[in-house]
Amino acid sequence: MSATMRAAVCVRAGGPEVLELRELPVPAVRDGWSLVRVHGAGLNRSELRTRQGHSPSVRFPRVLGIECVGVVAASTDPAVPEGTTVAAVMGEMGRAYDGGYAEYALLPNATLMPVATTLPWDVLAALPETYLTAQGALDALGIERGARLLIRGGTSSVGMAAAAIAAGSGVETAVTTRQASKVDALTADHVVVDAGESLGGSLREIWPDGPEYVLDLVGARTAVGSLRLVRRGGTVCVAGSLSGWLIQDFEPIAMIPSGTRLTAFHSETMKGRADVLQRIVSEVEGGVYRPNVDRVFELDEIVAAHRYMEDDQATGKLVVTLRHE
């Protein structure tokens, strides 16, 4: 193992250009932490927002990346020995400590999820955060078979994953997209183009009584509107921050219809759920779920990758792969 590694370092808050490729020392293993040789990392909008300076707890310089997949290079956990293929998600990766945008990542043992798979690295890297978030959000909604689900933010990687999981569970789905050009890329029972106006009319043509459930991945900008779209007594789950984290002037009594439920999902609750991830990987290998990889970048293309993500060009997941000599 080399004493140094390549890493994409966010040197300060700003545009994509603040991500700089640098040569750093390979982190030294310490008790309770293991070293992972990173082969791929999914890109997430939370990393974009951290890079922009919207994560007050993050101190720069920092190697971003809230998830990665790879092979354990040095272990302090007998249950996850060297050579084990693992995925790691959240646990303050890329925020409190350096994350997946590097050839090696020193990670808390609690975040490591062993996985048996034949999938290539770029496909495996597209799954952990995306599919664990989608599954966890659907669990938070408590959807029953035969129900009607509206997914707002349907062209996001999580939205596409949630639609796939819901369809496989016998749920009728409608998804929204702001770009008509992306309609053909979506696989759902119904696709609604969100032109920034009320969706009520379009939705009533599909479901006159409205959906029983809404999974809102757009977030702050649309959460209150989602409460008006869901059938009275239904449930809205906010599980995304495409439009930010704060709902301005939120008045719960005035804005939540009586009997309607508003909940949220945070992917931290799925940290370490190797059993769920293994099931998802098996479903992808069996062709039940599609990985929905939009584009694969290499580490030295990280600036272009963030610019692509920031410009909302993706339909599905963006992935960075790392080549090791």
C-alpha atoms as a PDB file:
ATOM      1  CA  MET A   1       0.000   0.000   0.000  1.00  0.00           C
ATOM      2  CA  SER A   2       1.289   3.437  -0.901  1.00  0.00           C
ATOM      3  CA  ALA A   3       1.849   5.986   1.858  1.00  0.00           C
ATOM      4  CA  THR A   4      -0.181   8.563  -0.073  1.00  0.00           C
ATOM      5  CA  MET A   5      -3.477   8.669  -1.926  1.00  0.00           C
ATOM      6  CA  ARG A   6      -5.402  10.873  -4.312  1.00  0.00           C
ATOM      7  CA  ALA A   7      -8.373  12.689  -2.838  1.00  0.00           C
ATOM      8  CA  ALA A   8     -10.806  15.377  -3.958  1.00  0.00           C
ATOM      9  CA  VAL A   9     -10.638  18.010  -1.229  1.00  0.00           C
ATOM     10  CA  CYS A  10     -13.238  20.719  -0.708  1.00  0.00           C
ATOM     11  CA  VAL A  11     -10.942  23.566   0.286  1.00  0.00           C
ATOM     12  CA  ARG A  12     -13.643  26.113   1.133  1.00  0.00           C
ATOM     13  CA  ALA A  13     -17.308  26.839   0.512  1.00  0.00           C
ATOM     14  CA  GLY A  14     -18.118  27.797  -3.061  1.00  0.00           C
ATOM     15  CA  GLY A  15     -18.751  26.531  -6.579  1.00  0.00           C
ATOM     16  CA  PRO A  16     -17.568  23.229  -8.064  1.00  0.00           C
ATOM     17  CA  GLU A  17     -14.081  24.689  -8.570  1.00  0.00           C
ATOM     18  CA  VAL A  18     -13.386  24.554  -4.797  1.00  0.00           C
ATOM     19  CA  LEU A  19     -12.976  20.778  -5.171  1.00  0.00           C
ATOM     20  CA  GLU A  20      -9.251  20.195  -5.696  1.00  0.00           C
ATOM     21  CA  LEU A  21      -7.480  16.929  -6.463  1.00  0.00           C
ATOM     22  CA  ARG A  22      -4.661  16.526  -3.926  1.00  0.00           C
ATOM     23  CA  GLU A  23      -2.160  13.953  -2.731  1.00  0.00           C
ATOM     24  CA  LEU A  24      -2.795  13.159   0.936  1.00  0.00           C
ATOM     25  CA  PRO A  25      -1.334  10.676   3.432  1.00  0.00           C
ATOM     26  CA  VAL A  26      -3.269   7.415   3.641  1.00  0.00           C
ATOM     27  CA  PRO A  27      -5.084   7.615   7.007  1.00  0.00           C
ATOM     28  CA  ALA A  28      -3.583   5.616   9.869  1.00  0.00           C
ATOM     29  CA  VAL A  29      -5.848   2.913  11.305  1.00  0.00           C
ATOM     30  CA  ARG A  30      -6.992   3.404  14.899  1.00  0.00           C
ATOM     31  CA  ASP A  31      -9.122   1.480  17.347  1.00  0.00           C
ATOM     32  CA  GLY A  32     -12.768   1.214  16.266  1.00  0.00           C
ATOM     33  CA  TRP A  33     -12.015   2.385  12.717  1.00  0.00           C
ATOM     34  CA  SER A  34     -11.023   0.424   9.597  1.00  0.00           C
ATOM     35  CA  LEU A  35      -9.395   1.480   6.351  1.00  0.00           C
ATOM     36  CA  VAL A  36     -11.374   0.932   3.135  1.00  0.00           C
ATOM     37  CA  ARG A  37      -9.854   0.944  -0.322  1.00  0.00           C
ATOM     38  CA  VAL A  38     -12.531   2.912  -2.156  1.00  0.00           C
ATOM     39  CA  HIS A  39     -13.608   1.726  -5.604  1.00  0.00           C
ATOM     40  CA  GLY A  40     -16.691   3.865  -6.055  1.00  0.00           C
ATOM     41  CA  ALA A  41     -18.757   6.600  -4.438  1.00  0.00           C
ATOM     42  CA  GLY A  42     -22.259   7.773  -5.234  1.00  0.00           C
ATOM     43  CA  LEU A  43     -22.758  11.531  -5.486  1.00  0.00           C
ATOM     44  CA  ASN A  44     -25.494  13.173  -3.426  1.00  0.00           C
ATOM     45  CA  ARG A  45     -27.069  16.606  -3.308  1.00  0.00           C
ATOM     46  CA  SER A  46     -26.284  16.862   0.395  1.00  0.00           C
ATOM     47  CA  GLU A  47     -22.610  16.960  -0.640  1.00  0.00           C
ATOM     48  CA  LEU A  48     -23.413  19.730  -3.094  1.00  0.00           C
ATOM     49  CA  ARG A  49     -25.061  21.733  -0.313  1.00  0.00           C
ATOM     50  CA  THR A  50     -22.134  21.108   2.033  1.00  0.00           C
ATOM     51  CA  ARG A  51     -19.771  22.310  -0.685  1.00  0.00           C
ATOM     52  CA  GLN A  52     -21.879  25.444  -1.103  1.00  0.00           C
ATOM     53  CA  GLY A  53     -21.504  26.230   2.594  1.00  0.00           C
ATOM     54  CA  HIS A  54     -24.938  25.178   3.856  1.00  0.00           C
ATOM     55  CA  SER A  55     -23.625  22.740   6.498  1.00  0.00           C
ATOM     56  CA  PRO A  56     -22.515  24.940   9.426  1.00  0.00           C
ATOM     57  CA  SER A  57     -20.891  22.067  11.333  1.00  0.00           C
ATOM     58  CA  VAL A  58     -18.489  21.195   8.501  1.00  0.00           C
ATOM     59  CA  ARG A  59     -14.990  22.633   8.668  1.00  0.00           C
ATOM     60  CA  PHE A  60     -12.879  22.962   5.527  1.00  0.00           C
ATOM     61  CA  PRO A  61     -10.722  21.555   4.071  1.00  0.00           C
ATOM     62  CA  ARG A  62     -12.737  18.338   3.992  1.00  0.00           C
ATOM     63  CA  VAL A  63     -12.912  15.256   1.761  1.00  0.00           C
ATOM     64  CA  LEU A  64     -16.636  15.040   0.979  1.00  0.00           C
ATOM     65  CA  GLY A  65     -18.664  11.912   0.291  1.00  0.00           C
ATOM     66  CA  ILE A  66     -21.401  10.481   2.518  1.00  0.00           C
ATOM     67  CA  GLU A  67     -21.123   6.997   0.991  1.00  0.00           C
ATOM     68  CA  CYS A  68     -18.662   4.664  -0.701  1.00  0.00           C
ATOM     69  CA  VAL A  69     -18.062   1.042  -1.667  1.00  0.00           C
ATOM     70  CA  GLY A  70     -14.791  -0.816  -1.675  1.00  0.00           C
ATOM     71  CA  VAL A  71     -12.660  -3.454   0.024  1.00  0.00           C
ATOM     72  CA  VAL A  72     -11.386  -3.442   3.591  1.00  0.00           C
ATOM     73  CA  ALA A  73      -7.631  -2.788   3.422  1.00  0.00           C
ATOM     74  CA  ALA A  74      -6.899  -2.800   7.177  1.00  0.00           C
ATOM     75  CA  SER A  75      -9.413  -3.900   9.797  1.00  0.00           C
ATOM     76  CA  THR A  76      -9.884  -3.482  13.530  1.00  0.00           C
ATOM     77  CA  ASP A  77     -13.138  -5.475  13.478  1.00  0.00           C
ATOM     78  CA  PRO A  78     -12.866  -9.306  13.388  1.00  0.00           C
ATOM     79  CA  ALA A  79     -16.382  -9.442  11.912  1.00  0.00           C
ATOM     80  CA  VAL A  80     -15.211  -7.450   8.863  1.00  0.00           C
ATOM     81  CA  PRO A  81     -11.732  -8.755   8.013  1.00  0.00           C
ATOM     82  CA  GLU A  82      -9.357  -7.481   5.358  1.00  0.00           C
ATOM     83  CA  GLY A  83     -10.523  -8.295   1.851  1.00  0.00           C
ATOM     84  CA  THR A  84     -14.233  -7.961   2.658  1.00  0.00           C
ATOM     85  CA  THR A  85     -16.347  -6.059   0.143  1.00  0.00           C
ATOM     86  CA  VAL A  86     -18.215  -3.347   2.033  1.00  0.00           C
ATOM     87  CA  ALA A  87     -20.449  -0.345   1.618  1.00  0.00           C
ATOM     88  CA  ALA A  88     -20.517   2.580   4.029  1.00  0.00           C
ATOM     89  CA  VAL A  89     -23.194   5.236   4.376  1.00  0.00           C
ATOM     90  CA  MET A  90     -23.673   8.322   6.512  1.00  0.00           C
ATOM     91  CA  GLY A  91     -22.468   8.258  10.118  1.00  0.00           C
ATOM     92  CA  GLU A  92     -21.186  11.811   9.455  1.00  0.00           C
ATOM     93  CA  MET A  93     -18.981  10.629   6.577  1.00  0.00           C
ATOM     94  CA  GLY A  94     -17.665  13.583   4.613  1.00  0.00           C
ATOM     95  CA  ARG A  95     -18.819  15.949   7.336  1.00  0.00           C
ATOM     96  CA  ALA A  96     -17.285  15.258  10.744  1.00  0.00           C
ATOM     97  CA  TYR A  97     -14.482  13.243   9.112  1.00  0.00           C
ATOM     98  CA  ASP A  98     -13.237  12.641   5.575  1.00  0.00           C
ATOM     99  CA  GLY A  99     -15.511  10.671   3.283  1.00  0.00           C
ATOM    100  CA  GLY A 100     -15.630   8.749   0.039  1.00  0.00           C
ATOM    101  CA  TYR A 101     -14.048  11.147  -2.485  1.00  0.00           C
ATOM    102  CA  ALA A 102     -10.644   9.488  -2.023  1.00  0.00           C
ATOM    103  CA  GLU A 103      -8.712   6.329  -2.830  1.00  0.00           C
ATOM    104  CA  TYR A 104      -8.863   5.323   0.835  1.00  0.00           C
ATOM    105  CA  ALA A 105     -11.301   6.194   3.606  1.00  0.00           C
ATOM    106  CA  LEU A 106     -10.854   5.599   7.333  1.00  0.00           C
ATOM    107  CA  LEU A 107     -14.343   4.778   8.598  1.00  0.00           C
ATOM    108  CA  PRO A 108     -15.994   3.823  11.903  1.00  0.00           C
ATOM    109  CA  ASN A 109     -16.613   0.083  12.036  1.00  0.00           C
ATOM    110  CA  ALA A 110     -20.284   0.731  12.796  1.00  0.00           C
ATOM    111  CA  THR A 111     -20.790   2.239   9.318  1.00  0.00           C
ATOM    112  CA  LEU A 112     -19.376  -0.743   7.409  1.00  0.00           C
ATOM    113  CA  MET A 113     -21.874  -3.081   5.730  1.00  0.00           C
ATOM    114  CA  PRO A 114     -20.413  -6.307   4.302  1.00  0.00           C
ATOM    115  CA  VAL A 115     -22.016  -7.315   1.025  1.00  0.00           C
ATOM    116  CA  ALA A 116     -21.663 -10.339  -1.260  1.00  0.00           C
ATOM    117  CA  THR A 117     -22.098  -9.336  -4.883  1.00  0.00           C
ATOM    118  CA  THR A 118     -21.024  -9.830  -8.477  1.00  0.00           C
ATOM    119  CA  LEU A 119     -22.060  -6.304  -9.495  1.00  0.00           C
ATOM    120  CA  PRO A 120     -19.411  -4.012 -11.021  1.00  0.00           C
ATOM    121  CA  TRP A 121     -18.187  -1.204  -8.778  1.00  0.00           C
ATOM    122  CA  ASP A 122     -20.004   1.579 -10.613  1.00  0.00           C
ATOM    123  CA  VAL A 123     -23.346  -0.197 -10.218  1.00  0.00           C
ATOM    124  CA  LEU A 124     -22.738  -1.175  -6.580  1.00  0.00           C
ATOM    125  CA  ALA A 125     -21.733   2.417  -5.776  1.00  0.00           C
ATOM    126  CA  ALA A 126     -25.115   3.650  -7.030  1.00  0.00           C
ATOM    127  CA  LEU A 127     -27.108   1.630  -4.506  1.00  0.00           C
ATOM    128  CA  PRO A 128     -26.359   2.232  -0.794  1.00  0.00           C
ATOM    129  CA  GLU A 129     -27.585   5.752  -0.013  1.00  0.00           C
ATOM    130  CA  THR A 130     -30.159   5.795  -2.795  1.00  0.00           C
ATOM    131  CA  TYR A 131     -31.910   2.498  -2.178  1.00  0.00           C
ATOM    132  CA  LEU A 132     -31.567   2.519   1.613  1.00  0.00           C
ATOM    133  CA  THR A 133     -33.132   5.992   1.658  1.00  0.00           C
ATOM    134  CA  ALA A 134     -35.925   4.907  -0.686  1.00  0.00           C
ATOM    135  CA  GLN A 135     -36.677   1.772   1.331  1.00  0.00           C
ATOM    136  CA  GLY A 136     -36.530   3.615   4.642  1.00  0.00           C
ATOM    137  CA  ALA A 137     -38.823   6.389   3.412  1.00  0.00           C
ATOM    138  CA  LEU A 138     -41.381   3.890   2.147  1.00  0.00           C
ATOM    139  CA  ASP A 139     -41.203   2.090   5.497  1.00  0.00           C
ATOM    140  CA  ALA A 140     -41.794   5.415   7.264  1.00  0.00           C
ATOM    141  CA  LEU A 141     -44.920   5.958   5.156  1.00  0.00           C
ATOM    142  CA  GLY A 142     -46.248   2.527   6.080  1.00  0.00           C
ATOM    143  CA  ILE A 143     -47.631   1.866   2.597  1.00  0.00           C
ATOM    144  CA  GLU A 144     -49.950  -1.087   2.085  1.00  0.00           C
ATOM    145  CA  ARG A 145     -50.224  -3.185  -1.071  1.00  0.00           C
ATOM    146  CA  GLY A 146     -52.690  -1.731  -3.573  1.00  0.00           C
ATOM    147  CA  ALA A 147     -52.314   1.820  -2.243  1.00  0.00           C
ATOM    148  CA  ARG A 148     -51.679   4.938  -4.347  1.00  0.00           C
ATOM    149  CA  LEU A 149     -48.358   6.745  -3.960  1.00  0.00           C
ATOM    150  CA  LEU A 150     -47.265  10.094  -5.380  1.00  0.00           C
ATOM    151  CA  ILE A 151     -43.493  10.621  -5.574  1.00  0.00           C
ATOM    152  CA  ARG A 152     -42.426  14.245  -5.963  1.00  0.00           C
ATOM    153  CA  GLY A 153     -38.925  14.485  -7.416  1.00  0.00           C
ATOM    154  CA  GLY A 154     -39.312  11.399  -9.559  1.00  0.00           C
ATOM    155  CA  THR A 155     -36.178  11.899 -11.675  1.00  0.00           C
ATOM    156  CA  SER A 156     -33.918  11.974  -8.628  1.00  0.00           C
ATOM    157  CA  SER A 157     -32.035   8.761  -7.931  1.00  0.00           C
ATOM    158  CA  VAL A 158     -34.043   8.182  -4.742  1.00  0.00           C
ATOM    159  CA  GLY A 159     -37.305   8.871  -6.569  1.00  0.00           C
ATOM    160  CA  MET A 160     -36.512   6.312  -9.256  1.00  0.00           C
ATOM    161  CA  ALA A 161     -35.483   3.769  -6.635  1.00  0.00           C
ATOM    162  CA  ALA A 162     -38.640   4.364  -4.585  1.00  0.00           C
ATOM    163  CA  ALA A 163     -40.801   3.896  -7.684  1.00  0.00           C
ATOM    164  CA  ALA A 164     -39.076   0.590  -8.432  1.00  0.00           C
ATOM    165  CA  ILE A 165     -39.484  -0.706  -4.876  1.00  0.00           C
ATOM    166  CA  ALA A 166     -43.109   0.444  -4.657  1.00  0.00           C
ATOM    167  CA  ALA A 167     -44.015  -1.138  -7.982  1.00  0.00           C
ATOM    168  CA  GLY A 168     -42.484  -4.419  -6.847  1.00  0.00           C
ATOM    169  CA  SER A 169     -44.683  -4.237  -3.733  1.00  0.00           C
ATOM    170  CA  GLY A 170     -47.944  -3.842  -5.650  1.00  0.00           C
ATOM    171  CA  VAL A 171     -48.289  -0.085  -5.098  1.00  0.00           C
ATOM    172  CA  GLU A 172     -49.741   2.155  -7.833  1.00  0.00           C
ATOM    173  CA  THR A 173     -47.324   5.031  -8.387  1.00  0.00           C
ATOM    174  CA  ALA A 174     -47.354   8.487  -9.926  1.00  0.00           C
ATOM    175  CA  VAL A 175     -44.156  10.487 -10.177  1.00  0.00           C
ATOM    176  CA  THR A 176     -43.444  14.126 -10.949  1.00  0.00           C
ATOM    177  CA  THR A 177     -40.714  15.737 -12.999  1.00  0.00           C
ATOM    178  CA  ARG A 178     -40.080  19.369 -13.835  1.00  0.00           C
ATOM    179  CA  GLN A 179     -38.619  18.511 -17.244  1.00  0.00           C
ATOM    180  CA  ALA A 180     -40.822  17.040 -19.959  1.00  0.00           C
ATOM    181  CA  SER A 181     -37.675  15.761 -21.698  1.00  0.00           C
ATOM    182  CA  LYS A 182     -37.167  13.269 -18.850  1.00  0.00           C
ATOM    183  CA  VAL A 183     -40.619  11.676 -18.977  1.00  0.00           C
ATOM    184  CA  ASP A 184     -39.515   8.744 -21.153  1.00  0.00           C
ATOM    185  CA  ALA A 185     -36.779   7.835 -18.664  1.00  0.00           C
ATOM    186  CA  LEU A 186     -39.295   7.244 -15.873  1.00  0.00           C
ATOM    187  CA  THR A 187     -40.922   3.923 -15.119  1.00  0.00           C
ATOM    188  CA  ALA A 188     -44.126   4.434 -13.143  1.00  0.00           C
ATOM    189  CA  ASP A 189     -47.835   3.961 -13.628  1.00  0.00           C
ATOM    190  CA  HIS A 190     -48.309   7.704 -14.172  1.00  0.00           C
ATOM    191  CA  VAL A 191     -45.927  10.596 -14.882  1.00  0.00           C
ATOM    192  CA  VAL A 192     -46.914  14.202 -14.174  1.00  0.00           C
ATOM    193  CA  VAL A 193     -44.931  17.190 -15.443  1.00  0.00           C
ATOM    194  CA  ASP A 194     -44.626  19.737 -12.625  1.00  0.00           C
ATOM    195  CA  ALA A 195     -44.568  23.142 -14.302  1.00  0.00           C
ATOM    196  CA  GLY A 196     -44.476  24.992 -10.983  1.00  0.00           C
ATOM    197  CA  GLU A 197     -48.239  25.357 -10.799  1.00  0.00           C
ATOM    198  CA  SER A 198     -50.714  23.396  -8.698  1.00  0.00           C
ATOM    199  CA  LEU A 199     -50.611  19.678  -9.390  1.00  0.00           C
ATOM    200  CA  GLY A 200     -54.138  19.216  -8.099  1.00  0.00           C
ATOM    201  CA  GLY A 201     -55.833  19.266 -11.505  1.00  0.00           C
ATOM    202  CA  SER A 202     -53.438  16.819 -13.148  1.00  0.00           C
ATOM    203  CA  LEU A 203     -53.536  14.534 -10.133  1.00  0.00           C
ATOM    204  CA  ARG A 204     -57.351  14.481  -9.971  1.00  0.00           C
ATOM    205  CA  GLU A 205     -57.433  13.231 -13.563  1.00  0.00           C
ATOM    206  CA  ILE A 206     -55.448  10.224 -12.370  1.00  0.00           C
ATOM    207  CA  TRP A 207     -56.879   9.765  -8.877  1.00  0.00           C
ATOM    208  CA  PRO A 208     -60.059  11.805  -8.226  1.00  0.00           C
ATOM    209  CA  ASP A 209     -59.726  11.235  -4.464  1.00  0.00           C
ATOM    210  CA  GLY A 210     -55.973  11.808  -4.412  1.00  0.00           C
ATOM    211  CA  PRO A 211     -53.194   9.468  -3.314  1.00  0.00           C
ATOM    212  CA  GLU A 212     -53.130   7.910   0.137  1.00  0.00           C
ATOM    213  CA  TYR A 213     -49.404   8.596   0.386  1.00  0.00           C
ATOM    214  CA  VAL A 214     -46.960  11.229  -0.843  1.00  0.00           C
ATOM    215  CA  LEU A 215     -43.185  10.800  -0.774  1.00  0.00           C
ATOM    216  CA  ASP A 216     -41.800  14.330  -1.096  1.00  0.00           C
ATOM    217  CA  LEU A 217     -38.166  14.382  -2.215  1.00  0.00           C
ATOM    218  CA  VAL A 218     -38.225  18.031  -3.287  1.00  0.00           C
ATOM    219  CA  GLY A 219     -38.534  19.095   0.331  1.00  0.00           C
ATOM    220  CA  ALA A 220     -39.112  22.522   1.819  1.00  0.00           C
ATOM    221  CA  ARG A 221     -40.571  24.186  -1.277  1.00  0.00           C
ATOM    222  CA  THR A 222     -43.264  21.575  -1.895  1.00  0.00           C
ATOM    223  CA  ALA A 223     -43.997  20.025   1.517  1.00  0.00           C
ATOM    224  CA  VAL A 224     -47.008  22.226   2.297  1.00  0.00           C
ATOM    225  CA  GLY A 225     -48.402  21.659  -1.193  1.00  0.00           C
ATOM    226  CA  SER A 226     -48.023  17.912  -0.727  1.00  0.00           C
ATOM    227  CA  LEU A 227     -50.189  18.120   2.387  1.00  0.00           C
ATOM    228  CA  ARG A 228     -52.952  19.562   0.187  1.00  0.00           C
ATOM    229  CA  LEU A 229     -52.515  16.892  -2.493  1.00  0.00           C
ATOM    230  CA  VAL A 230     -52.694  13.827  -0.268  1.00  0.00           C
ATOM    231  CA  ARG A 231     -56.076  12.310   0.456  1.00  0.00           C
ATOM    232  CA  ARG A 232     -57.536  13.515   3.787  1.00  0.00           C
ATOM    233  CA  GLY A 233     -56.223  11.190   6.454  1.00  0.00           C
ATOM    234  CA  GLY A 234     -53.254  10.155   4.291  1.00  0.00           C
ATOM    235  CA  THR A 235     -49.553  10.485   5.008  1.00  0.00           C
ATOM    236  CA  VAL A 236     -46.827  12.730   3.607  1.00  0.00           C
ATOM    237  CA  CYS A 237     -43.176  11.818   4.169  1.00  0.00           C
ATOM    238  CA  VAL A 238     -40.489  14.425   3.502  1.00  0.00           C
ATOM    239  CA  ALA A 239     -37.263  12.607   2.695  1.00  0.00           C
ATOM    240  CA  GLY A 240     -35.367  14.987   0.422  1.00  0.00           C
ATOM    241  CA  SER A 241     -33.814  18.413   0.356  1.00  0.00           C
ATOM    242  CA  LEU A 242     -33.698  19.240  -3.359  1.00  0.00           C
ATOM    243  CA  SER A 243     -35.162  22.651  -2.479  1.00  0.00           C
ATOM    244  CA  GLY A 244     -33.527  23.099   0.921  1.00  0.00           C
ATOM    245  CA  TRP A 245     -34.243  22.086   4.496  1.00  0.00           C
ATOM    246  CA  LEU A 246     -36.323  24.895   6.032  1.00  0.00           C
ATOM    247  CA  ILE A 247     -40.039  25.615   5.518  1.00  0.00           C
ATOM    248  CA  GLN A 248     -40.485  29.328   6.010  1.00  0.00           C
ATOM    249  CA  ASP A 249     -43.378  30.489   8.223  1.00  0.00           C
ATOM    250  CA  PHE A 250     -44.585  26.941   8.815  1.00  0.00           C
ATOM    251  CA  GLU A 251     -47.827  26.845  10.826  1.00  0.00           C
ATOM    252  CA  PRO A 252     -48.687  23.205  11.620  1.00  0.00           C
ATOM    253  CA  ILE A 253     -52.308  23.724  12.692  1.00  0.00           C
ATOM    254  CA  ALA A 254     -53.115  25.859   9.646  1.00  0.00           C
ATOM    255  CA  MET A 255     -51.111  23.863   7.118  1.00  0.00           C
ATOM    256  CA  ILE A 256     -51.653  20.219   8.111  1.00  0.00           C
ATOM    257  CA  PRO A 257     -55.236  19.131   7.297  1.00  0.00           C
ATOM    258  CA  SER A 258     -57.009  17.532  10.232  1.00  0.00           C
ATOM    259  CA  GLY A 259     -56.302  13.802  10.359  1.00  0.00           C
ATOM    260  CA  THR A 260     -53.502  13.986   7.785  1.00  0.00           C
ATOM    261  CA  ARG A 261     -50.074  12.842   8.898  1.00  0.00           C
ATOM    262  CA  LEU A 262     -46.727  14.498   8.198  1.00  0.00           C
ATOM    263  CA  THR A 263     -43.574  12.513   8.841  1.00  0.00           C
ATOM    264  CA  ALA A 264     -39.948  12.518   7.734  1.00  0.00           C
ATOM    265  CA  PHE A 265     -37.159  10.081   7.046  1.00  0.00           C
ATOM    266  CA  HIS A 266     -33.443  10.526   7.701  1.00  0.00           C
ATOM    267  CA  SER A 267     -31.093   7.972   6.181  1.00  0.00           C
ATOM    268  CA  GLU A 268     -29.076   7.833   9.401  1.00  0.00           C
ATOM    269  CA  THR A 269     -31.724   5.394  10.643  1.00  0.00           C
ATOM    270  CA  MET A 270     -30.588   2.873   7.993  1.00  0.00           C
ATOM    271  CA  LYS A 271     -26.914   3.086   8.948  1.00  0.00           C
ATOM    272  CA  GLY A 272     -25.373  -0.355   9.232  1.00  0.00           C
ATOM    273  CA  ARG A 273     -28.407  -2.193   7.788  1.00  0.00           C
ATOM    274  CA  ALA A 274     -26.355  -4.717   5.848  1.00  0.00           C
ATOM    275  CA  ASP A 275     -29.343  -7.068   5.692  1.00  0.00           C
ATOM    276  CA  VAL A 276     -31.458  -4.532   3.806  1.00  0.00           C
ATOM    277  CA  LEU A 277     -28.608  -3.597   1.476  1.00  0.00           C
ATOM    278  CA  GLN A 278     -27.878  -7.255   0.699  1.00  0.00           C
ATOM    279  CA  ARG A 279     -31.515  -7.797  -0.256  1.00  0.00           C
ATOM    280  CA  ILE A 280     -31.418  -4.734  -2.522  1.00  0.00           C
ATOM    281  CA  VAL A 281     -28.199  -5.915  -4.172  1.00  0.00           C
ATOM    282  CA  SER A 282     -29.765  -9.331  -4.785  1.00  0.00           C
ATOM    283  CA  GLU A 283     -32.824  -7.686  -6.375  1.00  0.00           C
ATOM    284  CA  VAL A 284     -30.594  -5.649  -8.695  1.00  0.00           C
ATOM    285  CA  GLU A 285     -28.596  -8.754  -9.622  1.00  0.00           C
ATOM    286  CA  GLY A 286     -31.875 -10.539 -10.361  1.00  0.00           C
ATOM    287  CA  GLY A 287     -33.136  -7.725 -12.588  1.00  0.00           C
ATOM    288  CA  VAL A 288     -36.000  -6.770 -10.260  1.00  0.00           C
ATOM    289  CA  TYR A 289     -34.589  -3.282  -9.582  1.00  0.00           C
ATOM    290  CA  ARG A 290     -32.676  -1.105 -12.017  1.00  0.00           C
ATOM    291  CA  PRO A 291     -29.613   0.704 -10.653  1.00  0.00           C
ATOM    292  CA  ASN A 292     -30.545   3.892 -12.602  1.00  0.00           C
ATOM    293  CA  VAL A 293     -26.974   5.099 -13.135  1.00  0.00           C
ATOM    294  CA  ASP A 294     -27.098   8.290 -15.194  1.00  0.00           C
ATOM    295  CA  ARG A 295     -23.365   8.882 -15.607  1.00  0.00           C
ATOM    296  CA  VAL A 296     -20.046   7.645 -14.234  1.00  0.00           C
ATOM    297  CA  PHE A 297     -17.139  10.010 -13.595  1.00  0.00           C
ATOM    298  CA  GLU A 298     -13.568   9.400 -12.501  1.00  0.00           C
ATOM    299  CA  LEU A 299     -12.103  11.115  -9.456  1.00  0.00           C
ATOM    300  CA  ASP A 300     -10.196  13.673 -11.513  1.00  0.00           C
ATOM    301  CA  GLU A 301     -13.529  14.690 -13.076  1.00  0.00           C
ATOM    302  CA  ILE A 302     -15.088  15.614  -9.728  1.00  0.00           C
ATOM    303  CA  VAL A 303     -15.504  19.297 -10.634  1.00  0.00           C
ATOM    304  CA  ALA A 304     -17.371  18.377 -13.819  1.00  0.00           C
ATOM    305  CA  ALA A 305     -19.453  15.869 -11.839  1.00  0.00           C
ATOM    306  CA  HIS A 306     -20.550  18.491  -9.306  1.00  0.00           C
ATOM    307  CA  ARG A 307     -21.305  20.981 -12.059  1.00  0.00           C
ATOM    308  CA  TYR A 308     -23.438  18.354 -13.824  1.00  0.00           C
ATOM    309  CA  MET A 309     -25.288  17.664 -10.582  1.00  0.00           C
ATOM    310  CA  GLU A 310     -25.743  21.345  -9.755  1.00  0.00           C
ATOM    311  CA  ASP A 311     -27.189  22.021 -13.212  1.00  0.00           C
ATOM    312  CA  ASP A 312     -29.853  19.312 -12.655  1.00  0.00           C
ATOM    313  CA  GLN A 313     -28.773  17.420 -15.754  1.00  0.00           C
ATOM    314  CA  ALA A 314     -28.996  13.955 -14.215  1.00  0.00           C
ATOM    315  CA  THR A 315     -31.861  11.489 -14.427  1.00  0.00           C
ATOM    316  CA  GLY A 316     -30.848   8.982 -11.808  1.00  0.00           C
ATOM    317  CA  LYS A 317     -27.613   8.420  -9.917  1.00  0.00           C
ATOM    318  CA  LEU A 318     -24.188   9.940 -10.510  1.00  0.00           C
ATOM    319  CA  VAL A 319     -21.177   7.850  -9.526  1.00  0.00           C
ATOM    320  CA  VAL A 320     -17.448   8.457  -9.160  1.00  0.00           C
ATOM    321  CA  THR A 321     -15.122   5.477  -9.662  1.00  0.00           C
ATOM    322  CA  LEU A 322     -11.541   5.207  -8.474  1.00  0.00           C
ATOM    323  CA  ARG A 323      -8.801   3.357 -10.316  1.00  0.00           C
ATOM    324  CA  HIS A 324      -6.056   1.731  -8.272  1.00  0.00           C
ATOM    325  CA  GLU A 325      -2.701   0.847  -9.769  1.00  0.00           C
END
